[in-house]
Amino acid sequence: MVRRMKSELKLRWDGSRRFAERVVKHLEVPYTEEERQAHRALQTYSALRLKQATSDGERMAAEFVLKLLKKRLFSSPAAFGITLEKHIASVGRRAAASTAAVARDIEDFSDDYADDEAYELETGEVVGSVSQALSPISAEEQALLRQLSAYAAKTSLRPDSKARTLIDWLKQTLRPGGQWNQARVIIFTE
């Protein structure tokens, strides 16, 4: 099999391109201090959680849950809030979970869903299950979780910096001067 980029294909008989030229735009996002503070709080919480891991199984569970929390924080405040609340509700509830059960839950998890509702359900279930294998949280960790929960509740009701940046760019690109143009945009997200 030979793979080629569309730009490498020969031109048509009249010299025109077979496909429109793909233009990838990088948008710089100016994060607010509130968003940066939430990220720092999650980093601190992550370091504390990993420090408390007493076995390989607990460390694996902590790394998995913390990776998901970070991924969701970068996704959106609403997504982060949903996953964070599931983690808070279950963290340390069953410290005797077997390493094999945790490993199986992690291995069975797939974040490749075409249906957002199915993905949310699966993420919530695995975070709840794996978080139970973690040791109980300390007072410092509890304070960080309350801070992160308050952040998610407050900011999930409005567009975050990424959403605002994208909306502003779309308006500039597709509606310059308030009039729709013929430009087309495809946005790829995870």
Protein backbone atom coordinates (compact mmCIF):
# COMPACT_ATOMS: atom_id res chain seq x y z
CA MET A 1 0.00 0.00 0.00
CA VAL A 2 1.24 3.46 -0.88
CA ARG A 3 -0.12 6.46 0.98
CA ARG A 4 -0.04 9.92 -0.43
CA MET A 5 -1.13 13.30 0.74
CA LYS A 6 -3.94 14.85 -1.31
CA SER A 7 -1.54 17.68 -2.14
CA GLU A 8 0.76 15.14 -3.86
CA LEU A 9 -1.88 14.02 -6.36
CA LYS A 10 -1.54 15.18 -9.94
CA LEU A 11 -3.52 18.22 -11.02
CA ARG A 12 -6.53 17.85 -13.28
CA TRP A 13 -6.17 18.29 -17.02
CA ASP A 14 -7.02 22.00 -16.66
CA GLY A 15 -4.37 22.57 -13.95
CA SER A 16 -6.85 22.78 -11.08
CA ARG A 17 -6.44 20.89 -7.82
CA ARG A 18 -8.46 17.74 -7.22
CA PHE A 19 -9.13 18.72 -3.60
CA ALA A 20 -9.26 22.03 -1.79
CA GLU A 21 -6.04 22.95 -0.04
CA ARG A 22 -6.15 22.12 3.67
CA VAL A 23 -5.12 24.99 5.91
CA VAL A 24 -4.44 24.17 9.54
CA LYS A 25 -4.84 27.08 11.93
CA HIS A 26 -3.28 27.18 15.37
CA LEU A 27 -5.21 29.36 17.78
CA GLU A 28 -3.36 30.73 20.79
CA VAL A 29 -5.62 30.61 23.85
CA PRO A 30 -5.15 33.32 26.49
CA TYR A 31 -6.11 31.44 29.67
CA THR A 32 -7.48 33.43 32.60
CA GLU A 33 -5.81 33.46 35.99
CA GLU A 34 -8.76 31.48 37.35
CA GLU A 35 -8.15 28.73 34.75
CA ARG A 36 -4.42 28.72 35.50
CA GLN A 37 -5.12 28.45 39.23
CA ALA A 38 -7.39 25.44 38.65
CA HIS A 39 -4.62 23.78 36.65
CA ARG A 40 -2.11 24.44 39.45
CA ALA A 41 -4.55 23.04 42.04
CA LEU A 42 -4.98 19.87 39.98
CA GLN A 43 -1.20 19.54 39.64
CA THR A 44 -0.80 19.87 43.41
CA TYR A 45 -3.57 17.36 44.04
CA SER A 46 -1.97 14.95 41.55
CA ALA A 47 1.42 15.17 43.26
CA LEU A 48 -0.16 14.51 46.67
CA ARG A 49 -2.19 11.55 45.37
CA LEU A 50 0.85 9.94 43.75
CA LYS A 51 2.91 10.47 46.89
CA GLN A 52 0.26 8.60 48.92
CA ALA A 53 0.21 5.53 46.65
CA THR A 54 1.35 2.58 48.75
CA SER A 55 1.40 -0.14 46.07
CA ASP A 56 1.91 -0.55 42.35
CA GLY A 57 -1.83 -1.14 41.93
CA GLU A 58 -2.73 2.05 43.76
CA ARG A 59 -0.13 4.01 41.81
CA MET A 60 -1.55 2.67 38.53
CA ALA A 61 -5.08 3.62 39.65
CA ALA A 62 -3.95 7.09 40.72
CA GLU A 63 -2.09 7.75 37.48
CA PHE A 64 -5.10 6.65 35.42
CA VAL A 65 -7.64 8.77 37.33
CA LEU A 66 -5.36 11.81 37.43
CA LYS A 67 -4.68 11.54 33.69
CA LEU A 68 -8.43 11.47 33.03
CA LEU A 69 -9.01 14.46 35.32
CA LYS A 70 -6.29 16.46 33.52
CA LYS A 71 -7.67 15.49 30.12
CA ARG A 72 -11.16 16.54 31.16
CA LEU A 73 -9.91 19.83 32.62
CA PHE A 74 -8.39 20.66 29.24
CA SER A 75 -11.61 19.58 27.53
CA SER A 76 -14.05 21.87 29.32
CA PRO A 77 -15.06 22.93 32.83
CA ALA A 78 -18.34 21.02 32.50
CA ALA A 79 -16.61 17.78 31.48
CA PHE A 80 -14.08 18.24 34.27
CA GLY A 81 -16.82 18.86 36.84
CA ILE A 82 -18.68 15.66 35.94
CA THR A 83 -15.55 13.51 36.23
CA LEU A 84 -14.31 15.30 39.35
CA GLU A 85 -17.60 14.76 41.19
CA LYS A 86 -17.50 11.04 40.36
CA HIS A 87 -13.94 10.89 41.71
CA ILE A 88 -14.83 12.80 44.89
CA ALA A 89 -17.82 10.51 45.54
CA SER A 90 -15.77 7.33 45.30
CA VAL A 91 -12.13 8.07 46.19
CA GLY A 92 -10.86 5.78 48.93
CA ARG A 93 -14.18 3.97 49.46
CA ARG A 94 -12.75 0.47 49.00
CA ALA A 95 -9.01 0.55 49.63
CA ALA A 96 -8.76 -3.25 49.36
CA ALA A 97 -9.55 -3.44 45.63
CA SER A 98 -7.33 -5.97 43.90
CA THR A 99 -4.66 -4.81 41.52
CA ALA A 100 -6.04 -7.24 38.92
CA ALA A 101 -9.56 -5.71 39.15
CA VAL A 102 -8.18 -2.18 38.79
CA ALA A 103 -5.97 -3.21 35.89
CA ARG A 104 -8.94 -4.90 34.19
CA ASP A 105 -11.12 -1.77 34.59
CA ILE A 106 -8.36 0.40 33.14
CA GLU A 107 -7.64 -2.01 30.29
CA ASP A 108 -11.33 -2.31 29.40
CA PHE A 109 -11.77 1.47 29.27
CA SER A 110 -11.95 2.96 25.81
CA ASP A 111 -12.19 6.65 25.07
CA ASP A 112 -13.07 6.02 21.43
CA TYR A 113 -16.82 6.66 21.27
CA ALA A 114 -18.95 8.15 18.54
CA ASP A 115 -21.71 8.79 21.10
CA ASP A 116 -20.93 11.44 23.73
CA GLU A 117 -23.50 10.09 26.19
CA ALA A 118 -22.01 6.59 26.07
CA TYR A 119 -18.54 8.07 26.56
CA GLU A 120 -19.70 10.10 29.58
CA LEU A 121 -21.33 7.03 31.11
CA GLU A 122 -18.25 4.85 30.57
CA THR A 123 -15.89 7.54 31.90
CA GLY A 124 -18.00 8.03 35.01
CA GLU A 125 -18.14 4.31 35.70
CA VAL A 126 -14.42 3.72 35.31
CA VAL A 127 -13.46 6.80 37.36
CA GLY A 128 -15.83 5.71 40.11
CA SER A 129 -14.54 2.15 40.09
CA VAL A 130 -10.83 2.93 39.90
CA SER A 131 -11.01 5.82 42.42
CA GLN A 132 -12.25 3.37 45.03
CA ALA A 133 -8.86 1.65 44.97
CA LEU A 134 -7.12 4.81 46.17
CA SER A 135 -6.30 5.49 49.79
CA PRO A 136 -8.53 7.96 51.67
CA ILE A 137 -7.81 11.62 50.99
CA SER A 138 -5.99 13.93 53.38
CA ALA A 139 -7.30 17.27 54.65
CA GLU A 140 -5.05 19.11 52.17
CA GLU A 141 -6.36 17.01 49.30
CA GLN A 142 -9.94 17.60 50.47
CA ALA A 143 -9.35 21.37 50.36
CA LEU A 144 -7.96 21.11 46.83
CA LEU A 145 -10.91 19.01 45.70
CA ARG A 146 -13.36 21.55 47.16
CA GLN A 147 -11.50 24.35 45.33
CA LEU A 148 -11.58 22.42 42.05
CA SER A 149 -15.24 21.51 42.50
CA ALA A 150 -16.15 25.17 43.13
CA TYR A 151 -14.18 26.18 40.02
CA ALA A 152 -15.98 23.60 37.86
CA ALA A 153 -19.42 24.56 39.19
CA LYS A 154 -18.80 28.27 38.61
CA THR A 155 -17.17 28.05 35.18
CA SER A 156 -19.23 25.28 33.59
CA LEU A 157 -22.11 27.73 33.18
CA ARG A 158 -20.19 29.95 30.76
CA PRO A 159 -17.76 29.52 27.84
CA ASP A 160 -14.16 29.00 28.90
CA SER A 161 -11.16 30.64 27.21
CA LYS A 162 -10.87 27.91 24.57
CA ALA A 163 -14.53 28.22 23.60
CA ARG A 164 -14.37 32.03 23.53
CA THR A 165 -11.23 31.95 21.37
CA LEU A 166 -12.83 29.52 18.91
CA ILE A 167 -16.11 31.46 18.73
CA ASP A 168 -14.23 34.73 18.14
CA TRP A 169 -12.14 33.15 15.39
CA LEU A 170 -15.22 31.65 13.73
CA LYS A 171 -16.96 35.04 13.75
CA GLN A 172 -13.90 36.72 12.22
CA THR A 173 -13.47 33.97 9.62
CA LEU A 174 -17.07 33.25 8.63
CA ARG A 175 -18.82 36.56 9.36
CA PRO A 176 -16.39 39.39 8.71
CA GLY A 177 -18.25 42.66 9.17
CA GLY A 178 -21.32 40.75 10.37
CA GLN A 179 -22.04 39.20 6.94
CA TRP A 180 -21.78 35.46 6.31
CA ASN A 181 -19.27 34.50 3.60
CA GLN A 182 -18.82 31.29 1.61
CA ALA A 183 -15.85 29.99 3.63
CA ARG A 184 -16.15 26.55 5.20
CA VAL A 185 -14.52 25.30 8.36
CA ILE A 186 -14.10 21.79 9.74
CA ILE A 187 -13.22 21.57 13.40
CA PHE A 188 -11.66 18.38 14.71
CA THR A 189 -12.00 17.71 18.41
CA GLU A 190 -11.30 14.79 20.67
